């Protein structure tokens, strides 16, 4: 039984963390985006502004997304490169829209339409 306690405490901690918008270090993402940008007016301050706006929108709407959507998208936003609130917001919005589709995109015979 004592070995089970750390697992329970960790699991409870993960649920609590998922209830709040995660803290992401988006500065690295903005620097990389500016370096790769082809638009001449795209600079780091514009990127930072976008990230702050996305964070504010997430703060406002976070509770309307399911725990599964929040956890999945938070994980994706931290995978494969620097994290981004814009990417996280896009993911949860698309997840919510996909969940609202009738039958989640399947046909009457159960096959997924492509």
PDB file of N, CA and C in Angstrom:
ATOM      1  N   UNK A   1       0.802  -1.198   0.000  1.00  0.00           N
ATOM      2  CA  UNK A   1       0.000   0.000   0.000  1.00  0.00           C
ATOM      3  C   UNK A   1       0.853   1.275   0.000  1.00  0.00           C
ATOM      4  N   UNK A   2       1.965   1.349   0.779  1.00  0.00           N
ATOM      5  CA  UNK A   2       2.777   2.561   0.764  1.00  0.00           C
ATOM      6  C   UNK A   2       3.341   2.873  -0.623  1.00  0.00           C
ATOM      7  N   UNK A   3       3.587   1.859  -1.439  1.00  0.00           N
ATOM      8  CA  UNK A   3       4.111   2.100  -2.777  1.00  0.00           C
ATOM      9  C   UNK A   3       3.072   2.755  -3.676  1.00  0.00           C
ATOM     10  N   UNK A   4       1.813   2.603  -3.360  1.00  0.00           N
ATOM     11  CA  UNK A   4       0.736   3.165  -4.152  1.00  0.00           C
ATOM     12  C   UNK A   4       0.551   4.662  -3.892  1.00  0.00           C
ATOM     13  N   UNK A   5       0.948   5.128  -2.734  1.00  0.00           N
ATOM     14  CA  UNK A   5       0.756   6.523  -2.344  1.00  0.00           C
ATOM     15  C   UNK A   5       1.406   7.511  -3.322  1.00  0.00           C
ATOM     16  N   UNK A   6       2.665   7.331  -3.724  1.00  0.00           N
ATOM     17  CA  UNK A   6       3.257   8.287  -4.672  1.00  0.00           C
ATOM     18  C   UNK A   6       2.498   8.343  -5.999  1.00  0.00           C
ATOM     19  N   UNK A   7       1.973   7.224  -6.435  1.00  0.00           N
ATOM     20  CA  UNK A   7       1.223   7.191  -7.689  1.00  0.00           C
ATOM     21  C   UNK A   7      -0.060   8.000  -7.541  1.00  0.00           C
ATOM     22  N   UNK A   8      -0.756   7.825  -6.430  1.00  0.00           N
ATOM     23  CA  UNK A   8      -1.986   8.571  -6.190  1.00  0.00           C
ATOM     24  C   UNK A   8      -1.727  10.064  -6.078  1.00  0.00           C
ATOM     25  N   UNK A   9      -0.674  10.441  -5.378  1.00  0.00           N
ATOM     26  CA  UNK A   9      -0.339  11.853  -5.222  1.00  0.00           C
ATOM     27  C   UNK A   9       0.027  12.461  -6.571  1.00  0.00           C
ATOM     28  N   UNK A  10       0.808  11.753  -7.363  1.00  0.00           N
ATOM     29  CA  UNK A  10       1.182  12.242  -8.690  1.00  0.00           C
ATOM     30  C   UNK A  10      -0.039  12.380  -9.573  1.00  0.00           C
ATOM     31  N   UNK A  11      -0.920  11.402  -9.558  1.00  0.00           N
ATOM     32  CA  UNK A  11      -2.134  11.463 -10.363  1.00  0.00           C
ATOM     33  C   UNK A  11      -3.002  12.639  -9.978  1.00  0.00           C
ATOM     34  N   UNK A  12      -3.143  12.894  -8.695  1.00  0.00           N
ATOM     35  CA  UNK A  12      -3.936  14.032  -8.228  1.00  0.00           C
ATOM     36  C   UNK A  12      -3.296  15.343  -8.661  1.00  0.00           C
ATOM     37  N   UNK A  13      -1.976  15.407  -8.635  1.00  0.00           N
ATOM     38  CA  UNK A  13      -1.252  16.604  -9.055  1.00  0.00           C
ATOM     39  C   UNK A  13      -1.480  16.880 -10.533  1.00  0.00           C
ATOM     40  N   UNK A  14      -1.476  15.843 -11.362  1.00  0.00           N
ATOM     41  CA  UNK A  14      -1.691  16.016 -12.787  1.00  0.00           C
ATOM     42  C   UNK A  14      -3.079  16.562 -13.077  1.00  0.00           C
ATOM     43  N   UNK A  15      -4.072  16.116 -12.374  1.00  0.00           N
ATOM     44  CA  UNK A  15      -5.429  16.622 -12.568  1.00  0.00           C
ATOM     45  C   UNK A  15      -5.493  18.092 -12.199  1.00  0.00           C
ATOM     46  N   UNK A  16      -4.862  18.478 -11.097  1.00  0.00           N
ATOM     47  CA  UNK A  16      -4.876  19.874 -10.685  1.00  0.00           C
ATOM     48  C   UNK A  16      -4.169  20.756 -11.697  1.00  0.00           C
ATOM     49  N   UNK A  17      -3.069  20.290 -12.236  1.00  0.00           N
ATOM     50  CA  UNK A  17      -2.329  21.054 -13.226  1.00  0.00           C
ATOM     51  C   UNK A  17      -3.163  21.235 -14.479  1.00  0.00           C
ATOM     52  N   UNK A  18      -3.909  20.216 -14.884  1.00  0.00           N
ATOM     53  CA  UNK A  18      -4.704  20.280 -16.100  1.00  0.00           C
ATOM     54  C   UNK A  18      -5.871  21.246 -15.966  1.00  0.00           C
ATOM     55  N   UNK A  19      -6.235  21.628 -14.730  1.00  0.00           N
ATOM     56  CA  UNK A  19      -7.339  22.549 -14.524  1.00  0.00           C
ATOM     57  C   UNK A  19      -6.966  23.997 -14.815  1.00  0.00           C
ATOM     58  N   UNK A  20      -5.694  24.274 -14.980  1.00  0.00           N
ATOM     59  CA  UNK A  20      -5.221  25.633 -15.273  1.00  0.00           C
ATOM     60  C   UNK A  20      -4.459  25.624 -16.596  1.00  0.00           C
ATOM     61  N   UNK A  21      -4.471  26.756 -17.256  1.00  0.00           N
ATOM     62  CA  UNK A  21      -3.695  26.893 -18.488  1.00  0.00           C
ATOM     63  C   UNK A  21      -2.226  26.680 -18.126  1.00  0.00           C
ATOM     64  N   UNK A  22      -1.536  25.815 -18.870  1.00  0.00           N
ATOM     65  CA  UNK A  22      -0.134  25.556 -18.527  1.00  0.00           C
ATOM     66  C   UNK A  22       0.749  26.781 -18.780  1.00  0.00           C
ATOM     67  N   UNK A  23       1.849  26.823 -18.083  1.00  0.00           N
ATOM     68  CA  UNK A  23       2.823  27.887 -18.304  1.00  0.00           C
ATOM     69  C   UNK A  23       3.777  27.402 -19.384  1.00  0.00           C
ATOM     70  N   UNK A  24       3.833  28.146 -20.480  1.00  0.00           N
ATOM     71  CA  UNK A  24       4.702  27.778 -21.599  1.00  0.00           C
ATOM     72  C   UNK A  24       5.754  28.853 -21.819  1.00  0.00           C
ATOM     73  N   UNK A  25       6.955  28.440 -22.129  1.00  0.00           N
ATOM     74  CA  UNK A  25       8.036  29.360 -22.453  1.00  0.00           C
ATOM     75  C   UNK A  25       8.017  29.570 -23.970  1.00  0.00           C
ATOM     76  N   UNK A  26       7.229  30.536 -24.422  1.00  0.00           N
ATOM     77  CA  UNK A  26       7.016  30.745 -25.853  1.00  0.00           C
ATOM     78  C   UNK A  26       8.074  31.635 -26.506  1.00  0.00           C
ATOM     79  N   UNK A  27       8.959  32.220 -25.726  1.00  0.00           N
ATOM     80  CA  UNK A  27       9.960  33.122 -26.295  1.00  0.00           C
ATOM     81  C   UNK A  27      10.835  32.424 -27.326  1.00  0.00           C
ATOM     82  N   UNK A  28      11.226  31.183 -27.046  1.00  0.00           N
ATOM     83  CA  UNK A  28      12.033  30.418 -27.993  1.00  0.00           C
ATOM     84  C   UNK A  28      11.262  30.176 -29.277  1.00  0.00           C
ATOM     85  N   UNK A  29       9.979  29.910 -29.137  1.00  0.00           N
ATOM     86  CA  UNK A  29       9.116  29.695 -30.290  1.00  0.00           C
ATOM     87  C   UNK A  29       9.047  30.960 -31.143  1.00  0.00           C
ATOM     88  N   UNK A  30       8.933  32.108 -30.510  1.00  0.00           N
ATOM     89  CA  UNK A  30       8.861  33.369 -31.251  1.00  0.00           C
ATOM     90  C   UNK A  30      10.171  33.670 -31.983  1.00  0.00           C
ATOM     91  N   UNK A  31      11.280  33.410 -31.317  1.00  0.00           N
ATOM     92  CA  UNK A  31      12.570  33.639 -31.985  1.00  0.00           C
ATOM     93  C   UNK A  31      12.700  32.753 -33.220  1.00  0.00           C
ATOM     94  N   UNK A  32      12.305  31.489 -33.092  1.00  0.00           N
ATOM     95  CA  UNK A  32      12.377  30.561 -34.225  1.00  0.00           C
ATOM     96  C   UNK A  32      11.416  30.981 -35.330  1.00  0.00           C
ATOM     97  N   UNK A  33      10.223  31.443 -34.965  1.00  0.00           N
ATOM     98  CA  UNK A  33       9.239  31.874 -35.967  1.00  0.00           C
ATOM     99  C   UNK A  33       9.735  33.086 -36.743  1.00  0.00           C
ATOM    100  N   UNK A  34      10.377  34.008 -36.050  1.00  0.00           N
ATOM    101  CA  UNK A  34      10.896  35.208 -36.711  1.00  0.00           C
ATOM    102  C   UNK A  34      12.032  34.839 -37.671  1.00  0.00           C
ATOM    103  N   UNK A  35      12.890  33.928 -37.252  1.00  0.00           N
ATOM    104  CA  UNK A  35      13.993  33.499 -38.117  1.00  0.00           C
ATOM    105  C   UNK A  35      13.480  32.824 -39.386  1.00  0.00           C
ATOM    106  N   UNK A  36      12.368  32.108 -39.276  1.00  0.00           N
ATOM    107  CA  UNK A  36      11.821  31.373 -40.415  1.00  0.00           C
ATOM    108  C   UNK A  36      10.800  32.185 -41.212  1.00  0.00           C
ATOM    109  N   UNK A  37      10.444  33.369 -40.735  1.00  0.00           N
ATOM    110  CA  UNK A  37       9.380  34.153 -41.363  1.00  0.00           C
ATOM    111  C   UNK A  37       9.790  34.660 -42.739  1.00  0.00           C
ATOM    112  N   UNK A  38       8.819  34.636 -43.634  1.00  0.00           N
ATOM    113  CA  UNK A  38       9.045  35.196 -44.962  1.00  0.00           C
ATOM    114  C   UNK A  38       8.400  36.577 -45.082  1.00  0.00           C
ATOM    115  N   UNK A  39       7.485  36.889 -44.171  1.00  0.00           N
ATOM    116  CA  UNK A  39       6.848  38.207 -44.166  1.00  0.00           C
ATOM    117  C   UNK A  39       7.792  39.221 -43.536  1.00  0.00           C
ATOM    118  N   UNK A  40       8.090  40.306 -44.226  1.00  0.00           N
ATOM    119  CA  UNK A  40       9.060  41.272 -43.704  1.00  0.00           C
ATOM    120  C   UNK A  40       8.592  41.999 -42.440  1.00  0.00           C
ATOM    121  N   UNK A  41       7.280  42.114 -42.235  1.00  0.00           N
ATOM    122  CA  UNK A  41       6.795  42.843 -41.062  1.00  0.00           C
ATOM    123  C   UNK A  41       6.556  41.945 -39.858  1.00  0.00           C
ATOM    124  N   UNK A  42       6.900  40.698 -39.970  1.00  0.00           N
ATOM    125  CA  UNK A  42       6.711  39.768 -38.853  1.00  0.00           C
ATOM    126  C   UNK A  42       7.941  39.834 -37.961  1.00  0.00           C
ATOM    127  N   UNK A  43       7.774  40.374 -36.757  1.00  0.00           N
ATOM    128  CA  UNK A  43       8.909  40.483 -35.844  1.00  0.00           C
ATOM    129  C   UNK A  43       8.574  39.795 -34.526  1.00  0.00           C
ATOM    130  N   UNK A  44       9.550  39.779 -33.652  1.00  0.00           N
ATOM    131  CA  UNK A  44       9.383  39.057 -32.390  1.00  0.00           C
ATOM    132  C   UNK A  44       8.297  39.681 -31.508  1.00  0.00           C
ATOM    133  N   UNK A  45       8.167  40.992 -31.519  1.00  0.00           N
ATOM    134  CA  UNK A  45       7.147  41.623 -30.671  1.00  0.00           C
ATOM    135  C   UNK A  45       5.738  41.280 -31.172  1.00  0.00           C
ATOM    136  N   UNK A  46       5.552  41.132 -32.481  1.00  0.00           N
ATOM    137  CA  UNK A  46       4.248  40.710 -33.017  1.00  0.00           C
ATOM    138  C   UNK A  46       3.935  39.288 -32.575  1.00  0.00           C
ATOM    139  N   UNK A  47       4.929  38.432 -32.589  1.00  0.00           N
ATOM    140  CA  UNK A  47       4.762  37.050 -32.156  1.00  0.00           C
ATOM    141  C   UNK A  47       4.418  37.004 -30.667  1.00  0.00           C
ATOM    142  N   UNK A  48       5.135  37.752 -29.859  1.00  0.00           N
ATOM    143  CA  UNK A  48       4.888  37.782 -28.421  1.00  0.00           C
ATOM    144  C   UNK A  48       3.465  38.286 -28.155  1.00  0.00           C
ATOM    145  N   UNK A  49       3.034  39.291 -28.901  1.00  0.00           N
ATOM    146  CA  UNK A  49       1.670  39.806 -28.755  1.00  0.00           C
ATOM    147  C   UNK A  49       0.642  38.718 -29.084  1.00  0.00           C
ATOM    148  N   UNK A  50       0.872  37.974 -30.157  1.00  0.00           N
ATOM    149  CA  UNK A  50      -0.023  36.866 -30.519  1.00  0.00           C
ATOM    150  C   UNK A  50      -0.076  35.821 -29.405  1.00  0.00           C
ATOM    151  N   UNK A  51       1.078  35.506 -28.847  1.00  0.00           N
ATOM    152  CA  UNK A  51       1.142  34.517 -27.773  1.00  0.00           C
ATOM    153  C   UNK A  51       0.376  34.991 -26.532  1.00  0.00           C
ATOM    154  N   UNK A  52       0.523  36.272 -26.208  1.00  0.00           N
ATOM    155  CA  UNK A  52      -0.180  36.820 -25.041  1.00  0.00           C
ATOM    156  C   UNK A  52      -1.691  36.824 -25.272  1.00  0.00           C
ATOM    157  N   UNK A  53      -2.120  37.160 -26.483  1.00  0.00           N
ATOM    158  CA  UNK A  53      -3.551  37.140 -26.796  1.00  0.00           C
ATOM    159  C   UNK A  53      -4.106  35.719 -26.733  1.00  0.00           C
ATOM    160  N   UNK A  54      -3.335  34.758 -27.248  1.00  0.00           N
ATOM    161  CA  UNK A  54      -3.769  33.358 -27.196  1.00  0.00           C
ATOM    162  C   UNK A  54      -3.854  32.884 -25.749  1.00  0.00           C
ATOM    163  N   UNK A  55      -2.892  33.261 -24.934  1.00  0.00           N
ATOM    164  CA  UNK A  55      -2.910  32.895 -23.500  1.00  0.00           C
ATOM    165  C   UNK A  55      -4.154  33.481 -22.821  1.00  0.00           C
ATOM    166  N   UNK A  56      -4.478  34.736 -23.108  1.00  0.00           N
ATOM    167  CA  UNK A  56      -5.647  35.378 -22.512  1.00  0.00           C
ATOM    168  C   UNK A  56      -6.935  34.661 -22.930  1.00  0.00           C
ATOM    169  N   UNK A  57      -7.019  34.275 -24.195  1.00  0.00           N
ATOM    170  CA  UNK A  57      -8.194  33.550 -24.685  1.00  0.00           C
ATOM    171  C   UNK A  57      -8.290  32.187 -24.011  1.00  0.00           C
ATOM    172  N   UNK A  58      -7.166  31.513 -23.846  1.00  0.00           N
ATOM    173  CA  UNK A  58      -7.149  30.227 -23.149  1.00  0.00           C
ATOM    174  C   UNK A  58      -7.593  30.384 -21.697  1.00  0.00           C
ATOM    175  N   UNK A  59      -7.124  31.422 -21.030  1.00  0.00           N
ATOM    176  CA  UNK A  59      -7.523  31.679 -19.639  1.00  0.00           C
ATOM    177  C   UNK A  59      -9.041  31.845 -19.555  1.00  0.00           C
ATOM    178  N   UNK A  60      -9.593  32.545 -20.528  1.00  0.00           N
ATOM    179  CA  UNK A  60     -11.024  32.818 -20.549  1.00  0.00           C
ATOM    180  C   UNK A  60     -11.847  31.557 -20.812  1.00  0.00           C
ATOM    181  N   UNK A  61     -11.375  30.686 -21.718  1.00  0.00           N
ATOM    182  CA  UNK A  61     -12.179  29.551 -22.190  1.00  0.00           C
ATOM    183  C   UNK A  61     -11.726  28.185 -21.690  1.00  0.00           C
ATOM    184  N   UNK A  62     -10.657  28.107 -20.923  1.00  0.00           N
ATOM    185  CA  UNK A  62     -10.025  26.827 -20.553  1.00  0.00           C
ATOM    186  C   UNK A  62     -11.023  25.827 -19.974  1.00  0.00           C
ATOM    187  N   UNK A  63     -11.928  26.292 -19.123  1.00  0.00           N
ATOM    188  CA  UNK A  63     -12.847  25.372 -18.447  1.00  0.00           C
ATOM    189  C   UNK A  63     -13.887  24.766 -19.396  1.00  0.00           C
ATOM    190  N   UNK A  64     -14.087  25.339 -20.565  1.00  0.00           N
ATOM    191  CA  UNK A  64     -15.092  24.782 -21.477  1.00  0.00           C
ATOM    192  C   UNK A  64     -14.561  23.582 -22.268  1.00  0.00           C
ATOM    193  N   UNK A  65     -13.254  23.392 -22.258  1.00  0.00           N
ATOM    194  CA  UNK A  65     -12.674  22.238 -22.938  1.00  0.00           C
ATOM    195  C   UNK A  65     -12.652  21.058 -21.978  1.00  0.00           C
ATOM    196  N   UNK A  66     -12.789  19.862 -22.517  1.00  0.00           N
ATOM    197  CA  UNK A  66     -12.797  18.677 -21.665  1.00  0.00           C
ATOM    198  C   UNK A  66     -11.383  18.422 -21.128  1.00  0.00           C
ATOM    199  N   UNK A  67     -11.276  17.736 -19.999  1.00  0.00           N
ATOM    200  CA  UNK A  67      -9.938  17.395 -19.494  1.00  0.00           C
ATOM    201  C   UNK A  67      -9.110  16.640 -20.530  1.00  0.00           C
ATOM    202  N   UNK A  68      -9.749  15.779 -21.282  1.00  0.00           N
ATOM    203  CA  UNK A  68      -9.042  15.023 -22.319  1.00  0.00           C
ATOM    204  C   UNK A  68      -8.486  15.953 -23.396  1.00  0.00           C
ATOM    205  N   UNK A  69      -9.283  16.917 -23.836  1.00  0.00           N
ATOM    206  CA  UNK A  69      -8.824  17.877 -24.842  1.00  0.00           C
ATOM    207  C   UNK A  69      -7.660  18.706 -24.304  1.00  0.00           C
ATOM    208  N   UNK A  70      -7.791  19.166 -23.067  1.00  0.00           N
ATOM    209  CA  UNK A  70      -6.736  19.998 -22.473  1.00  0.00           C
ATOM    210  C   UNK A  70      -5.433  19.220 -22.332  1.00  0.00           C
ATOM    211  N   UNK A  71      -5.524  17.995 -21.827  1.00  0.00           N
ATOM    212  CA  UNK A  71      -4.319  17.188 -21.614  1.00  0.00           C
ATOM    213  C   UNK A  71      -3.660  16.825 -22.944  1.00  0.00           C
ATOM    214  N   UNK A  72      -4.480  16.401 -23.902  1.00  0.00           N
ATOM    215  CA  UNK A  72      -3.939  16.006 -25.215  1.00  0.00           C
ATOM    216  C   UNK A  72      -3.244  17.190 -25.891  1.00  0.00           C
ATOM    217  N   UNK A  73      -3.917  18.329 -25.926  1.00  0.00           N
ATOM    218  CA  UNK A  73      -3.355  19.488 -26.615  1.00  0.00           C
ATOM    219  C   UNK A  73      -2.151  20.074 -25.885  1.00  0.00           C
ATOM    220  N   UNK A  74      -2.160  20.043 -24.559  1.00  0.00           N
ATOM    221  CA  UNK A  74      -0.997  20.507 -23.805  1.00  0.00           C
ATOM    222  C   UNK A  74       0.205  19.634 -24.119  1.00  0.00           C
ATOM    223  N   UNK A  75      -0.014  18.334 -24.183  1.00  0.00           N
ATOM    224  CA  UNK A  75       1.066  17.409 -24.524  1.00  0.00           C
ATOM    225  C   UNK A  75       1.602  17.687 -25.926  1.00  0.00           C
ATOM    226  N   UNK A  76       0.682  17.885 -26.879  1.00  0.00           N
ATOM    227  CA  UNK A  76       1.107  18.166 -28.253  1.00  0.00           C
ATOM    228  C   UNK A  76       1.871  19.482 -28.358  1.00  0.00           C
ATOM    229  N   UNK A  77       1.445  20.493 -27.595  1.00  0.00           N
ATOM    230  CA  UNK A  77       2.097  21.802 -27.692  1.00  0.00           C
ATOM    231  C   UNK A  77       3.526  21.774 -27.165  1.00  0.00           C
ATOM    232  N   UNK A  78       3.852  20.754 -26.391  1.00  0.00           N
ATOM    233  CA  UNK A  78       5.208  20.638 -25.834  1.00  0.00           C
ATOM    234  C   UNK A  78       6.054  19.611 -26.574  1.00  0.00           C
ATOM    235  N   UNK A  79       5.515  19.064 -27.658  1.00  0.00           N
ATOM    236  CA  UNK A  79       6.209  18.015 -28.403  1.00  0.00           C
ATOM    237  C   UNK A  79       6.710  18.559 -29.730  1.00  0.00           C
ATOM    238  N   UNK A  80       7.922  18.208 -30.095  1.00  0.00           N
ATOM    239  CA  UNK A  80       8.430  18.524 -31.420  1.00  0.00           C
ATOM    240  C   UNK A  80       8.979  19.913 -31.606  1.00  0.00           C
ATOM    241  N   UNK A  81       9.187  20.643 -30.563  1.00  0.00           N
ATOM    242  CA  UNK A  81       9.738  21.986 -30.698  1.00  0.00           C
ATOM    243  C   UNK A  81       9.297  22.869 -29.554  1.00  0.00           C
ATOM    244  N   UNK A  82       9.632  24.146 -29.645  1.00  0.00           N
ATOM    245  CA  UNK A  82       9.262  25.058 -28.563  1.00  0.00           C
ATOM    246  C   UNK A  82       7.737  25.180 -28.444  1.00  0.00           C
ATOM    247  N   UNK A  83       7.226  25.291 -27.220  1.00  0.00           N
ATOM    248  CA  UNK A  83       5.773  25.369 -27.023  1.00  0.00           C
ATOM    249  C   UNK A  83       5.213  26.722 -27.454  1.00  0.00           C
ATOM    250  N   UNK A  84       3.905  26.726 -27.717  1.00  0.00           N
ATOM    251  CA  UNK A  84       3.251  27.944 -28.179  1.00  0.00           C
ATOM    252  C   UNK A  84       1.803  27.965 -27.703  1.00  0.00           C
ATOM    253  N   UNK A  85       1.378  29.105 -27.148  1.00  0.00           N
ATOM    254  CA  UNK A  85      -0.019  29.253 -26.763  1.00  0.00           C
ATOM    255  C   UNK A  85      -0.924  29.302 -27.992  1.00  0.00           C
ATOM    256  N   UNK A  86      -0.432  29.866 -29.092  1.00  0.00           N
ATOM    257  CA  UNK A  86      -1.217  29.913 -30.332  1.00  0.00           C
ATOM    258  C   UNK A  86      -1.496  28.485 -30.796  1.00  0.00           C
ATOM    259  N   UNK A  87      -0.488  27.644 -30.751  1.00  0.00           N
ATOM    260  CA  UNK A  87      -0.647  26.244 -31.138  1.00  0.00           C
ATOM    261  C   UNK A  87      -1.603  25.519 -30.181  1.00  0.00           C
ATOM    262  N   UNK A  88      -1.473  25.769 -28.896  1.00  0.00           N
ATOM    263  CA  UNK A  88      -2.346  25.147 -27.901  1.00  0.00           C
ATOM    264  C   UNK A  88      -3.795  25.581 -28.107  1.00  0.00           C
ATOM    265  N   UNK A  89      -4.016  26.863 -28.338  1.00  0.00           N
ATOM    266  CA  UNK A  89      -5.366  27.376 -28.570  1.00  0.00           C
ATOM    267  C   UNK A  89      -5.971  26.762 -29.824  1.00  0.00           C
ATOM    268  N   UNK A  90      -5.201  26.703 -30.887  1.00  0.00           N
ATOM    269  CA  UNK A  90      -5.684  26.100 -32.128  1.00  0.00           C
ATOM    270  C   UNK A  90      -6.083  24.648 -31.907  1.00  0.00           C
ATOM    271  N   UNK A  91      -5.268  23.923 -31.173  1.00  0.00           N
ATOM    272  CA  UNK A  91      -5.538  22.508 -30.913  1.00  0.00           C
ATOM    273  C   UNK A  91      -6.837  22.312 -30.137  1.00  0.00           C
ATOM    274  N   UNK A  92      -7.024  23.056 -29.041  1.00  0.00           N
ATOM    275  CA  UNK A  92      -8.238  22.845 -28.250  1.00  0.00           C
ATOM    276  C   UNK A  92      -9.485  23.293 -29.003  1.00  0.00           C
ATOM    277  N   UNK A  93      -9.358  24.349 -29.803  1.00  0.00           N
ATOM    278  CA  UNK A  93     -10.506  24.798 -30.601  1.00  0.00           C
ATOM    279  C   UNK A  93     -10.877  23.754 -31.652  1.00  0.00           C
ATOM    280  N   UNK A  94      -9.873  23.181 -32.313  1.00  0.00           N
ATOM    281  CA  UNK A  94     -10.146  22.138 -33.308  1.00  0.00           C
ATOM    282  C   UNK A  94     -10.675  20.869 -32.649  1.00  0.00           C
ATOM    283  N   UNK A  95     -10.163  20.528 -31.484  1.00  0.00           N
ATOM    284  CA  UNK A  95     -10.660  19.351 -30.761  1.00  0.00           C
ATOM    285  C   UNK A  95     -12.123  19.524 -30.385  1.00  0.00           C
ATOM    286  N   UNK A  96     -12.461  20.726 -29.940  1.00  0.00           N
ATOM    287  CA  UNK A  96     -13.852  21.015 -29.572  1.00  0.00           C
ATOM    288  C   UNK A  96     -14.752  20.939 -30.812  1.00  0.00           C
ATOM    289  N   UNK A  97     -14.300  21.499 -31.922  1.00  0.00           N
ATOM    290  CA  UNK A  97     -15.089  21.469 -33.159  1.00  0.00           C
ATOM    291  C   UNK A  97     -15.267  20.041 -33.670  1.00  0.00           C
ATOM    292  N   UNK A  98     -14.208  19.246 -33.593  1.00  0.00           N
ATOM    293  CA  UNK A  98     -14.292  17.853 -34.044  1.00  0.00           C
ATOM    294  C   UNK A  98     -15.265  17.054 -33.181  1.00  0.00           C
ATOM    295  N   UNK A  99     -15.256  17.307 -31.888  1.00  0.00           N
ATOM    296  CA  UNK A  99     -16.162  16.595 -30.985  1.00  0.00           C
ATOM    297  C   UNK A  99     -17.617  16.957 -31.259  1.00  0.00           C
ATOM    298  N   UNK A 100     -17.844  18.146 -31.819  1.00  0.00           N
ATOM    299  CA  UNK A 100     -19.218  18.592 -32.099  1.00  0.00           C
ATOM    300  C   UNK A 100     -19.757  18.041 -33.414  1.00  0.00           C
ATOM    301  N   UNK A 101     -18.894  17.439 -34.232  1.00  0.00           N
ATOM    302  CA  UNK A 101     -19.349  16.876 -35.508  1.00  0.00           C
ATOM    303  C   UNK A 101     -20.278  15.696 -35.253  1.00  0.00           C
ATOM    304  N   UNK A 102     -21.315  15.574 -36.066  1.00  0.00           N
ATOM    305  CA  UNK A 102     -22.184  14.403 -35.896  1.00  0.00           C
ATOM    306  C   UNK A 102     -21.401  13.125 -36.159  1.00  0.00           C
ATOM    307  N   UNK A 103     -21.480  12.204 -35.254  1.00  0.00           N
ATOM    308  CA  UNK A 103     -20.803  10.914 -35.356  1.00  0.00           C
ATOM    309  C   UNK A 103     -19.292  11.045 -35.549  1.00  0.00           C
ATOM    310  N   UNK A 104     -18.742  12.194 -35.217  1.00  0.00           N
ATOM    311  CA  UNK A 104     -17.293  12.429 -35.275  1.00  0.00           C
ATOM    312  C   UNK A 104     -16.689  12.063 -36.631  1.00  0.00           C
ATOM    313  N   UNK A 105     -17.416  12.339 -37.722  1.00  0.00           N
ATOM    314  CA  UNK A 105     -16.882  12.127 -39.060  1.00  0.00           C
ATOM    315  C   UNK A 105     -17.013  10.724 -39.588  1.00  0.00           C
ATOM    316  N   UNK A 106     -17.748   9.857 -38.904  1.00  0.00           N
ATOM    317  CA  UNK A 106     -17.912   8.495 -39.405  1.00  0.00           C
ATOM    318  C   UNK A 106     -19.159   8.404 -40.276  1.00  0.00           C
ATOM    319  N   UNK A 107     -19.182   7.433 -41.144  1.00  0.00           N
ATOM    320  CA  UNK A 107     -20.333   7.180 -41.996  1.00  0.00           C
ATOM    321  C   UNK A 107     -21.266   6.206 -41.291  1.00  0.00           C
ATOM    322  N   UNK A 108     -22.468   6.011 -41.818  1.00  0.00           N
ATOM    323  CA  UNK A 108     -23.392   5.070 -41.177  1.00  0.00           C
ATOM    324  C   UNK A 108     -22.817   3.659 -41.007  1.00  0.00           C
ATOM    325  N   UNK A 109     -21.881   3.245 -41.876  1.00  0.00           N
ATOM    326  CA  UNK A 109     -21.299   1.913 -41.710  1.00  0.00           C
ATOM    327  C   UNK A 109     -20.089   1.928 -40.776  1.00  0.00           C
ATOM    328  N   UNK A 110     -19.814   3.090 -40.164  1.00  0.00           N
ATOM    329  CA  UNK A 110     -18.744   3.170 -39.160  1.00  0.00           C
ATOM    330  C   UNK A 110     -17.380   3.523 -39.696  1.00  0.00           C
ATOM    331  N   UNK A 111     -17.253   3.703 -41.007  1.00  0.00           N
ATOM    332  CA  UNK A 111     -15.943   4.045 -41.578  1.00  0.00           C
ATOM    333  C   UNK A 111     -15.738   5.559 -41.529  1.00  0.00           C
ATOM    334  N   UNK A 112     -14.525   5.944 -41.362  1.00  0.00           N
ATOM    335  CA  UNK A 112     -14.189   7.377 -41.323  1.00  0.00           C
ATOM    336  C   UNK A 112     -14.068   7.869 -42.751  1.00  0.00           C
ATOM    337  N   UNK A 113     -14.763   8.987 -43.036  1.00  0.00           N
ATOM    338  CA  UNK A 113     -14.692   9.588 -44.359  1.00  0.00           C
ATOM    339  C   UNK A 113     -13.396  10.371 -44.472  1.00  0.00           C
ATOM    340  N   UNK A 114     -12.800  10.320 -45.626  1.00  0.00           N
ATOM    341  CA  UNK A 114     -11.547  11.058 -45.876  1.00  0.00           C
ATOM    342  C   UNK A 114     -11.763  12.053 -46.977  1.00  0.00           C
TER     343      UNK A 114
END
